[in-house]
């Protein structure tokens, strides 16, 4: 099995076990742990990426993650347009 698929499967299973509240609490804890540095910001992005993959276990939470993703994608496209 592809390592990426294996990790996604593990994270989805973790999301099933944590449930909506547990996944939300993970996000809040990750943000609270953020040290304000550039390097810390990118580590936070990685942690949130993993939690967002956990959300694939819940249709509604997946929709919320997708809404946030597309909001940031649009902001990113607007910010780098020449």
N, C-alpha and C. Protein backbone atom coordinates (compact mmCIF):
# COMPACT_ATOMS: atom_id res chain seq x y z
N UNK A 1 0.85 -1.18 0.00
CA UNK A 1 0.00 0.00 0.00
C UNK A 1 0.89 1.24 0.00
N UNK A 2 0.52 2.21 -0.78
CA UNK A 2 1.20 3.49 -0.83
C UNK A 2 1.21 4.11 0.57
N UNK A 3 2.36 4.64 0.99
CA UNK A 3 2.49 5.21 2.33
C UNK A 3 1.50 6.34 2.57
N UNK A 4 1.30 7.19 1.56
CA UNK A 4 0.36 8.30 1.68
C UNK A 4 -1.07 7.79 1.92
N UNK A 5 -1.45 6.74 1.21
CA UNK A 5 -2.79 6.15 1.40
C UNK A 5 -2.91 5.51 2.78
N UNK A 6 -1.82 4.90 3.25
CA UNK A 6 -1.81 4.29 4.57
C UNK A 6 -2.02 5.35 5.64
N UNK A 7 -1.30 6.47 5.53
CA UNK A 7 -1.44 7.55 6.51
C UNK A 7 -2.85 8.13 6.48
N UNK A 8 -3.39 8.31 5.26
CA UNK A 8 -4.74 8.85 5.14
C UNK A 8 -5.74 7.92 5.82
N UNK A 9 -5.58 6.63 5.60
CA UNK A 9 -6.47 5.64 6.22
C UNK A 9 -6.35 5.69 7.74
N UNK A 10 -5.13 5.80 8.24
CA UNK A 10 -4.92 5.90 9.70
C UNK A 10 -5.57 7.15 10.26
N UNK A 11 -5.40 8.28 9.56
CA UNK A 11 -5.96 9.54 10.04
C UNK A 11 -7.49 9.51 10.00
N UNK A 12 -8.05 8.91 8.96
CA UNK A 12 -9.51 8.80 8.87
C UNK A 12 -10.04 7.97 10.03
N UNK A 13 -9.37 6.87 10.34
CA UNK A 13 -9.76 6.02 11.47
C UNK A 13 -9.67 6.82 12.78
N UNK A 14 -8.60 7.58 12.93
CA UNK A 14 -8.44 8.42 14.12
C UNK A 14 -9.60 9.41 14.24
N UNK A 15 -9.99 10.01 13.11
CA UNK A 15 -11.12 10.94 13.10
C UNK A 15 -12.41 10.28 13.52
N UNK A 16 -12.60 9.04 13.09
CA UNK A 16 -13.80 8.29 13.50
C UNK A 16 -13.82 8.11 15.01
N UNK A 17 -12.66 7.80 15.58
CA UNK A 17 -12.57 7.58 17.03
C UNK A 17 -12.74 8.88 17.81
N UNK A 18 -12.16 9.97 17.32
CA UNK A 18 -12.22 11.25 18.02
C UNK A 18 -13.60 11.89 17.94
N UNK A 19 -14.25 11.76 16.79
CA UNK A 19 -15.52 12.42 16.58
C UNK A 19 -15.34 13.92 16.35
N UNK A 20 -16.44 14.60 16.12
CA UNK A 20 -16.40 16.03 15.81
C UNK A 20 -15.75 16.85 16.92
N UNK A 21 -16.17 16.60 18.14
CA UNK A 21 -15.64 17.37 19.26
C UNK A 21 -14.14 17.12 19.42
N UNK A 22 -13.74 15.88 19.36
CA UNK A 22 -12.33 15.54 19.52
C UNK A 22 -11.45 16.16 18.45
N UNK A 23 -11.92 16.13 17.20
CA UNK A 23 -11.14 16.75 16.13
C UNK A 23 -11.05 18.26 16.34
N UNK A 24 -12.16 18.86 16.73
CA UNK A 24 -12.16 20.31 16.98
C UNK A 24 -11.22 20.67 18.12
N UNK A 25 -11.21 19.85 19.16
CA UNK A 25 -10.31 20.10 20.28
C UNK A 25 -8.85 19.98 19.85
N UNK A 26 -8.56 19.07 18.93
CA UNK A 26 -7.19 18.94 18.41
C UNK A 26 -6.76 20.22 17.69
N UNK A 27 -7.67 20.79 16.90
CA UNK A 27 -7.36 22.04 16.20
C UNK A 27 -7.09 23.15 17.22
N UNK A 28 -7.95 23.28 18.20
CA UNK A 28 -7.80 24.32 19.22
C UNK A 28 -6.47 24.16 19.96
N UNK A 29 -6.14 22.93 20.32
CA UNK A 29 -4.87 22.67 21.03
C UNK A 29 -3.67 23.02 20.15
N UNK A 30 -3.74 22.67 18.87
CA UNK A 30 -2.64 22.97 17.96
C UNK A 30 -2.43 24.48 17.84
N UNK A 31 -3.53 25.22 17.73
CA UNK A 31 -3.43 26.68 17.63
C UNK A 31 -2.88 27.26 18.93
N UNK A 32 -3.32 26.74 20.05
CA UNK A 32 -2.81 27.22 21.35
C UNK A 32 -1.33 26.93 21.51
N UNK A 33 -0.83 25.84 20.92
CA UNK A 33 0.58 25.47 21.00
C UNK A 33 1.46 26.32 20.08
N UNK A 34 0.87 27.01 19.13
CA UNK A 34 1.62 27.78 18.14
C UNK A 34 2.46 28.86 18.82
N UNK A 35 3.74 28.90 18.48
CA UNK A 35 4.68 29.82 19.14
C UNK A 35 4.82 31.18 18.47
N UNK A 36 4.13 31.42 17.39
CA UNK A 36 4.17 32.72 16.73
C UNK A 36 5.30 32.89 15.72
N UNK A 37 6.16 31.88 15.57
CA UNK A 37 7.29 31.99 14.65
C UNK A 37 6.89 31.54 13.24
N UNK A 38 7.71 31.91 12.25
CA UNK A 38 7.47 31.46 10.89
C UNK A 38 7.57 29.93 10.80
N UNK A 39 8.62 29.38 11.42
CA UNK A 39 8.80 27.93 11.42
C UNK A 39 7.62 27.26 12.14
N UNK A 40 7.22 27.83 13.26
CA UNK A 40 6.08 27.30 14.00
C UNK A 40 4.79 27.36 13.20
N UNK A 41 4.67 28.41 12.38
CA UNK A 41 3.47 28.55 11.54
C UNK A 41 3.37 27.39 10.55
N UNK A 42 4.50 27.00 9.98
CA UNK A 42 4.47 25.91 9.02
C UNK A 42 4.25 24.56 9.70
N UNK A 43 4.77 24.41 10.92
CA UNK A 43 4.49 23.18 11.68
C UNK A 43 3.00 23.12 12.02
N UNK A 44 2.43 24.28 12.38
CA UNK A 44 1.00 24.34 12.64
C UNK A 44 0.22 23.94 11.39
N UNK A 45 0.65 24.43 10.24
CA UNK A 45 -0.01 24.06 8.98
C UNK A 45 0.00 22.55 8.78
N UNK A 46 1.11 21.91 9.10
CA UNK A 46 1.21 20.46 8.97
C UNK A 46 0.27 19.73 9.93
N UNK A 47 0.21 20.24 11.17
CA UNK A 47 -0.70 19.61 12.14
C UNK A 47 -2.13 19.75 11.67
N UNK A 48 -2.49 20.93 11.17
CA UNK A 48 -3.86 21.15 10.70
C UNK A 48 -4.15 20.32 9.46
N UNK A 49 -3.14 20.11 8.63
CA UNK A 49 -3.31 19.23 7.46
C UNK A 49 -3.70 17.82 7.91
N UNK A 50 -3.00 17.32 8.93
CA UNK A 50 -3.31 15.98 9.44
C UNK A 50 -4.72 15.93 10.01
N UNK A 51 -5.09 16.95 10.77
CA UNK A 51 -6.44 16.96 11.37
C UNK A 51 -7.49 17.09 10.27
N UNK A 52 -7.18 17.87 9.22
CA UNK A 52 -8.16 17.99 8.13
C UNK A 52 -8.36 16.65 7.44
N UNK A 53 -7.33 15.81 7.39
CA UNK A 53 -7.49 14.48 6.81
C UNK A 53 -8.31 13.59 7.74
N UNK A 54 -8.21 13.82 9.04
CA UNK A 54 -9.07 13.09 9.98
C UNK A 54 -10.53 13.39 9.69
N UNK A 55 -10.81 14.64 9.29
CA UNK A 55 -12.18 15.07 9.05
C UNK A 55 -12.84 14.35 7.88
N UNK A 56 -12.06 13.63 7.08
CA UNK A 56 -12.67 12.87 5.98
C UNK A 56 -13.58 11.77 6.51
N UNK A 57 -13.51 11.51 7.81
CA UNK A 57 -14.36 10.49 8.42
C UNK A 57 -15.78 10.99 8.67
N UNK A 58 -16.01 12.30 8.52
CA UNK A 58 -17.31 12.89 8.84
C UNK A 58 -17.70 13.82 7.69
N UNK A 59 -18.83 13.55 7.07
CA UNK A 59 -19.25 14.32 5.89
C UNK A 59 -19.37 15.81 6.20
N UNK A 60 -20.02 16.15 7.29
CA UNK A 60 -20.21 17.56 7.62
C UNK A 60 -18.89 18.25 7.93
N UNK A 61 -18.03 17.61 8.71
CA UNK A 61 -16.73 18.21 9.04
C UNK A 61 -15.87 18.33 7.78
N UNK A 62 -15.98 17.35 6.88
CA UNK A 62 -15.26 17.43 5.60
C UNK A 62 -15.71 18.67 4.82
N UNK A 63 -17.02 18.93 4.82
CA UNK A 63 -17.55 20.12 4.14
C UNK A 63 -16.98 21.40 4.76
N UNK A 64 -16.89 21.42 6.09
CA UNK A 64 -16.35 22.61 6.76
C UNK A 64 -14.88 22.81 6.41
N UNK A 65 -14.12 21.74 6.39
CA UNK A 65 -12.70 21.81 6.00
C UNK A 65 -12.60 22.30 4.55
N UNK A 66 -13.42 21.76 3.68
CA UNK A 66 -13.39 22.18 2.27
C UNK A 66 -13.74 23.66 2.13
N UNK A 67 -14.71 24.14 2.89
CA UNK A 67 -15.06 25.57 2.85
C UNK A 67 -13.86 26.42 3.24
N UNK A 68 -13.17 26.04 4.31
CA UNK A 68 -11.99 26.76 4.75
C UNK A 68 -10.86 26.69 3.73
N UNK A 69 -10.69 25.53 3.14
CA UNK A 69 -9.66 25.33 2.12
C UNK A 69 -9.89 26.27 0.94
N UNK A 70 -11.12 26.29 0.45
CA UNK A 70 -11.42 27.11 -0.73
C UNK A 70 -11.37 28.59 -0.41
N UNK A 71 -11.72 28.97 0.80
CA UNK A 71 -11.57 30.36 1.22
C UNK A 71 -10.10 30.76 1.17
N UNK A 72 -9.24 29.94 1.74
CA UNK A 72 -7.81 30.24 1.75
C UNK A 72 -7.22 30.16 0.34
N UNK A 73 -7.69 29.22 -0.47
CA UNK A 73 -7.22 29.10 -1.85
C UNK A 73 -7.53 30.38 -2.62
N UNK A 74 -8.75 30.91 -2.45
CA UNK A 74 -9.12 32.15 -3.13
C UNK A 74 -8.27 33.32 -2.63
N UNK A 75 -8.05 33.38 -1.32
CA UNK A 75 -7.22 34.46 -0.76
C UNK A 75 -5.79 34.35 -1.29
N UNK A 76 -5.29 33.12 -1.40
CA UNK A 76 -3.95 32.92 -1.91
C UNK A 76 -3.84 33.33 -3.36
N UNK A 77 -4.83 32.96 -4.15
CA UNK A 77 -4.81 33.33 -5.58
C UNK A 77 -4.89 34.84 -5.73
N UNK A 78 -5.70 35.49 -4.90
CA UNK A 78 -5.82 36.95 -4.96
C UNK A 78 -4.52 37.63 -4.53
N UNK A 79 -3.83 37.02 -3.57
CA UNK A 79 -2.62 37.63 -3.01
C UNK A 79 -1.39 37.50 -3.89
N UNK A 80 -1.37 36.54 -4.80
CA UNK A 80 -0.19 36.33 -5.64
C UNK A 80 -0.43 36.67 -7.10
N UNK A 81 -1.65 37.11 -7.41
CA UNK A 81 -1.94 37.46 -8.81
C UNK A 81 -1.08 38.64 -9.23
N UNK A 82 -0.59 38.58 -10.46
CA UNK A 82 0.27 39.67 -10.92
C UNK A 82 -0.47 40.65 -11.79
